[in-house]
Amino acid sequence: MQIGIIGAGRIGATAARLFVTAGHQIAISNSRGAESLRTLVAGLGAAALAATVDDAARLSELVLLAVPWHLENALPQAPLLRNKIVIDAMNPYRPEGGFFELGESTSSEEILRRMPGARLVKAFNTIYYEHLATRGRKDLPVEERHAIYLAGDDVAAKQVVAGLIETIGFAPVDTGSLREGGRLQQPDSPIYNQTFTAREARAFFRNELHKLTDVLPDGALPLALEALAPFREWPGKTAGASKKAPNF
């Protein structure tokens, strides 16, 4: 793929190296201009191009956002991202420390409001950049690789991002919708910066779902049971009926 990277800091530069090594082409940008990226691009070879923020978005079929969350002016113009797959690797940190208060919203929902029409997928925001640089293992079965989580409402876009994650030696783990899955990937969540493999991550989620049944209010139980029903083998169910597993 042709991938645009907005931001050349720790996550952006590390992802650029991994994408090029995996056979992708990249156009990388930052707020200081293409000239400041000369050394980085030279080290990446012919598959890398230094570009302006808008050109990195315009030239690419998939765009990774890896700049400080609050710097709205550091992002490409919204029309350039319409109908493109956009990976949001940003977290809502305040420059002075702590997090921005978003109420009932999540950071990726707020980003999507800035760029309507983008096919937004939240990913690469829960992994420490040194782990991103060193823990990719293409030689391992996918389930035994370090997990990179993704969330979003566009199923096809998530499939593309999942494939990209596998090409760089990690395991994609889908946490669900942009709202609920995105909330699970926020910096104060129990999976943030953890070194779970995909197998360990799914086991963790199953355990958390099991514990949830003990604290759900009675009024929420019908909806929970309805959601879980297709995935559970109930006592007395006809022998030989097909079994399904939840997509964790």
Protein backbone atom coordinates (compact mmCIF):
# COMPACT_ATOMS: atom_id res chain seq x y z
CA MET A 1 0.00 0.00 0.00
CA GLN A 2 0.85 3.65 -0.26
CA ILE A 3 0.68 4.89 3.33
CA GLY A 4 0.71 8.51 4.47
CA ILE A 5 2.12 9.17 7.93
CA ILE A 6 1.22 12.39 9.70
CA GLY A 7 3.80 12.89 12.40
CA ALA A 8 7.41 11.73 12.50
CA GLY A 9 7.88 11.31 16.23
CA ARG A 10 8.37 8.06 18.07
CA ILE A 11 5.29 6.23 16.79
CA GLY A 12 5.29 7.80 13.31
CA ALA A 13 8.97 7.18 12.59
CA THR A 14 8.85 3.65 14.03
CA ALA A 15 5.77 2.76 11.99
CA ALA A 16 7.43 4.19 8.88
CA ARG A 17 10.37 1.80 9.26
CA LEU A 18 8.11 -1.18 9.84
CA PHE A 19 5.86 -0.37 6.88
CA VAL A 20 8.81 0.04 4.49
CA THR A 21 10.40 -3.20 5.72
CA ALA A 22 7.08 -4.97 5.07
CA GLY A 23 7.07 -3.77 1.45
CA HIS A 24 4.79 -0.74 1.65
CA GLN A 25 5.55 2.74 0.32
CA ILE A 26 5.25 5.71 2.65
CA ALA A 27 4.91 9.47 2.44
CA ILE A 28 5.84 10.92 5.83
CA SER A 29 5.24 14.45 7.09
CA ASN A 30 5.52 16.63 10.15
CA SER A 31 4.78 20.21 11.18
CA ARG A 32 8.36 21.35 10.52
CA GLY A 33 8.36 20.59 6.81
CA ALA A 34 9.83 18.02 4.43
CA GLU A 35 13.39 19.31 4.75
CA SER A 36 13.49 18.29 8.42
CA LEU A 37 12.79 14.68 7.37
CA ARG A 38 15.72 14.31 4.96
CA THR A 39 17.83 12.11 7.26
CA LEU A 40 14.93 9.88 8.23
CA VAL A 41 13.81 9.37 4.64
CA ALA A 42 17.35 8.72 3.42
CA GLY A 43 17.63 5.90 5.94
CA LEU A 44 14.37 4.35 4.73
CA GLY A 45 15.38 4.20 1.07
CA ALA A 46 13.50 4.62 -2.18
CA ALA A 47 10.15 3.49 -0.73
CA ALA A 48 9.95 6.61 1.47
CA LEU A 49 9.07 10.16 0.53
CA ALA A 50 9.16 13.32 2.65
CA ALA A 51 6.02 15.36 2.08
CA THR A 52 3.85 18.12 3.43
CA VAL A 53 1.00 17.08 5.72
CA ASP A 54 -1.61 17.60 3.00
CA ASP A 55 0.46 15.88 0.32
CA ALA A 56 1.07 12.86 2.55
CA ALA A 57 -2.71 12.50 2.82
CA ARG A 58 -3.39 13.27 -0.84
CA LEU A 59 -0.86 10.76 -2.20
CA SER A 60 -1.88 7.84 0.01
CA GLU A 61 -4.63 5.24 0.17
CA LEU A 62 -4.28 4.84 3.94
CA VAL A 63 -3.24 7.51 6.45
CA LEU A 64 -1.76 7.12 9.95
CA LEU A 65 -2.32 10.02 12.36
CA ALA A 66 0.49 10.18 14.92
CA VAL A 67 0.68 13.77 16.19
CA PRO A 68 -0.31 15.22 19.59
CA TRP A 69 -4.09 14.86 19.86
CA HIS A 70 -4.81 18.50 20.65
CA LEU A 71 -2.91 19.92 17.64
CA GLU A 72 -5.84 20.17 15.26
CA ASN A 73 -3.84 22.36 12.88
CA ALA A 74 -1.26 19.57 12.48
CA LEU A 75 -3.78 17.32 10.74
CA PRO A 76 -4.48 17.23 6.98
CA GLN A 77 -7.40 19.16 5.57
CA ALA A 78 -10.53 17.11 6.22
CA PRO A 79 -11.63 16.80 2.54
CA LEU A 80 -8.35 15.03 1.73
CA LEU A 81 -9.31 12.19 4.08
CA ARG A 82 -12.86 11.65 2.89
CA ASN A 83 -13.45 7.97 1.97
CA LYS A 84 -9.86 7.07 2.97
CA ILE A 85 -8.92 4.63 5.69
CA VAL A 86 -7.45 6.67 8.54
CA ILE A 87 -5.70 5.09 11.52
CA ASP A 88 -5.93 7.17 14.68
CA ALA A 89 -2.88 6.38 16.80
CA MET A 90 -3.34 9.46 19.00
CA ASN A 91 -4.32 9.75 22.67
CA PRO A 92 -6.01 12.73 24.36
CA TYR A 93 -3.10 13.78 26.57
CA ARG A 94 -2.93 17.37 27.80
CA PRO A 95 0.44 19.08 27.18
CA GLU A 96 0.64 19.87 30.90
CA GLY A 97 -0.27 16.32 31.93
CA GLY A 98 -3.43 14.29 32.36
CA PHE A 99 -6.19 13.88 29.79
CA PHE A 100 -8.72 16.11 28.11
CA GLU A 101 -12.21 15.73 29.52
CA LEU A 102 -14.42 14.35 26.75
CA GLY A 103 -17.61 13.58 28.65
CA GLU A 104 -19.40 10.61 27.12
CA SER A 105 -17.34 10.80 23.92
CA THR A 106 -14.04 9.12 23.07
CA SER A 107 -10.95 10.66 21.54
CA SER A 108 -11.43 8.93 18.18
CA GLU A 109 -15.08 10.01 17.97
CA GLU A 110 -13.87 13.58 18.42
CA ILE A 111 -11.26 13.10 15.68
CA LEU A 112 -13.91 11.74 13.33
CA ARG A 113 -16.00 14.85 13.90
CA ARG A 114 -13.05 16.88 12.57
CA MET A 115 -12.84 14.76 9.40
CA PRO A 116 -16.33 13.62 8.37
CA GLY A 117 -16.35 10.88 5.76
CA ALA A 118 -13.03 9.35 6.83
CA ARG A 119 -13.06 5.58 7.42
CA LEU A 120 -11.57 5.89 10.88
CA VAL A 121 -9.96 3.00 12.75
CA LYS A 122 -8.41 3.46 16.18
CA ALA A 123 -5.16 1.47 16.38
CA PHE A 124 -1.47 1.72 17.34
CA ASN A 125 -2.38 3.96 20.30
CA THR A 126 -2.00 1.38 23.09
CA ILE A 127 1.49 0.13 22.24
CA TYR A 128 4.71 1.65 23.60
CA TYR A 129 6.90 2.80 20.72
CA GLU A 130 9.87 0.65 21.83
CA HIS A 131 7.60 -2.40 21.83
CA LEU A 132 6.40 -1.42 18.36
CA ALA A 133 10.03 -1.22 17.24
CA THR A 134 11.20 -4.51 18.75
CA ARG A 135 8.36 -6.96 19.42
CA GLY A 136 7.12 -7.70 15.90
CA ARG A 137 7.60 -11.41 15.11
CA LYS A 138 6.61 -12.62 11.67
CA ASP A 139 8.06 -16.03 12.55
CA LEU A 140 5.39 -16.67 15.19
CA PRO A 141 1.79 -17.80 14.67
CA VAL A 142 -0.44 -14.73 14.73
CA GLU A 143 -2.12 -15.73 18.02
CA GLU A 144 1.28 -15.78 19.76
CA ARG A 145 2.36 -12.32 18.56
CA HIS A 146 2.16 -9.08 20.52
CA ALA A 147 -1.39 -7.71 20.22
CA ILE A 148 -2.24 -4.41 18.55
CA TYR A 149 -5.84 -3.44 19.19
CA LEU A 150 -8.19 -1.84 16.69
CA ALA A 151 -11.66 -0.35 16.96
CA GLY A 152 -14.03 1.16 14.43
CA ASP A 153 -17.43 1.10 12.79
CA ASP A 154 -16.25 0.34 9.23
CA VAL A 155 -15.77 -3.44 9.04
CA ALA A 156 -13.93 -3.38 5.70
CA ALA A 157 -11.55 -0.67 6.91
CA LYS A 158 -10.77 -2.69 10.04
CA GLN A 159 -9.98 -5.71 7.87
CA VAL A 160 -7.44 -3.67 5.90
CA VAL A 161 -5.82 -2.34 9.08
CA ALA A 162 -5.76 -5.85 10.56
CA GLY A 163 -3.92 -7.10 7.48
CA LEU A 164 -1.42 -4.25 7.76
CA ILE A 165 -0.78 -5.11 11.41
CA GLU A 166 -0.05 -8.72 10.46
CA THR A 167 2.40 -7.69 7.72
CA ILE A 168 4.62 -5.97 10.32
CA GLY A 169 4.69 -8.97 12.66
CA PHE A 170 1.93 -8.20 15.17
CA ALA A 171 -1.52 -9.61 15.90
CA PRO A 172 -4.68 -7.56 15.31
CA VAL A 173 -7.26 -7.81 18.10
CA ASP A 174 -10.64 -6.20 17.41
CA THR A 175 -12.12 -4.44 20.45
CA GLY A 176 -15.37 -3.46 18.72
CA SER A 177 -17.01 -0.18 17.76
CA LEU A 178 -15.36 3.21 17.69
CA ARG A 179 -17.29 4.19 20.83
CA GLU A 180 -17.10 1.11 23.05
CA GLY A 181 -13.97 -0.40 21.54
CA GLY A 182 -12.31 3.00 21.43
CA ARG A 183 -13.13 3.56 25.11
CA LEU A 184 -11.45 0.25 25.92
CA GLN A 185 -8.27 1.51 24.21
CA GLN A 186 -8.05 4.79 26.12
CA PRO A 187 -4.85 5.40 28.16
CA ASP A 188 -6.46 4.57 31.51
CA SER A 189 -7.80 1.20 30.35
CA PRO A 190 -6.47 -2.18 31.60
CA ILE A 191 -5.04 -3.10 28.17
CA TYR A 192 -3.09 0.10 27.64
CA ASN A 193 0.67 -0.54 27.26
CA GLN A 194 0.27 -4.21 28.17
CA THR A 195 2.38 -6.82 26.38
CA PHE A 196 -0.41 -9.33 25.82
CA THR A 197 -0.24 -11.73 22.94
CA ALA A 198 -3.44 -12.03 20.92
CA ARG A 199 -4.26 -15.27 22.76
CA GLU A 200 -3.68 -13.63 26.15
CA ALA A 201 -5.70 -10.56 25.19
CA ARG A 202 -8.73 -12.61 24.15
CA ALA A 203 -8.52 -14.66 27.35
CA PHE A 204 -8.40 -11.43 29.34
CA PHE A 205 -11.51 -10.10 27.57
CA ARG A 206 -13.41 -13.33 28.14
CA ASN A 207 -12.56 -13.19 31.83
CA GLU A 208 -13.71 -9.57 32.07
CA LEU A 209 -17.01 -10.45 30.38
CA HIS A 210 -17.49 -13.28 32.86
CA LYS A 211 -16.94 -10.91 35.81
CA LEU A 212 -19.31 -8.38 34.28
CA THR A 213 -22.30 -10.66 34.82
CA ASP A 214 -21.84 -10.26 38.59
CA VAL A 215 -22.21 -6.46 38.51
CA LEU A 216 -24.78 -5.84 35.77
CA PRO A 217 -27.99 -4.28 37.09
CA ASP A 218 -31.11 -6.37 36.53
CA GLY A 219 -32.39 -3.99 33.88
CA ALA A 220 -29.27 -4.54 31.76
CA LEU A 221 -29.39 -8.34 31.87
CA PRO A 222 -31.89 -8.84 28.99
CA LEU A 223 -29.73 -6.90 26.57
CA ALA A 224 -26.58 -8.69 27.73
CA LEU A 225 -28.23 -12.09 27.34
CA GLU A 226 -29.48 -11.17 23.89
CA ALA A 227 -25.98 -10.17 22.82
CA LEU A 228 -24.38 -13.33 24.20
CA ALA A 229 -27.03 -15.82 23.12
CA PRO A 230 -25.58 -16.61 19.64
CA PHE A 231 -22.24 -17.54 21.22
CA ARG A 232 -23.30 -19.73 24.10
CA GLU A 233 -24.04 -23.44 24.27
CA TRP A 234 -27.01 -23.47 26.64
CA PRO A 235 -27.76 -26.55 28.79
CA GLY A 236 -30.17 -28.88 27.05
CA LYS A 237 -29.39 -27.55 23.59
CA THR A 238 -29.82 -30.13 20.84
CA ALA A 239 -26.69 -32.23 20.45
CA GLY A 240 -24.77 -31.58 17.29
CA ALA A 241 -25.98 -27.99 16.92
CA SER A 242 -23.41 -25.69 15.43
CA LYS A 243 -21.18 -23.83 17.82
CA LYS A 244 -20.01 -20.27 17.39
CA ALA A 245 -17.33 -18.32 19.21
CA PRO A 246 -17.40 -14.61 20.00
CA ASN A 247 -15.13 -12.43 17.88
CA PHE A 248 -12.60 -11.68 20.61
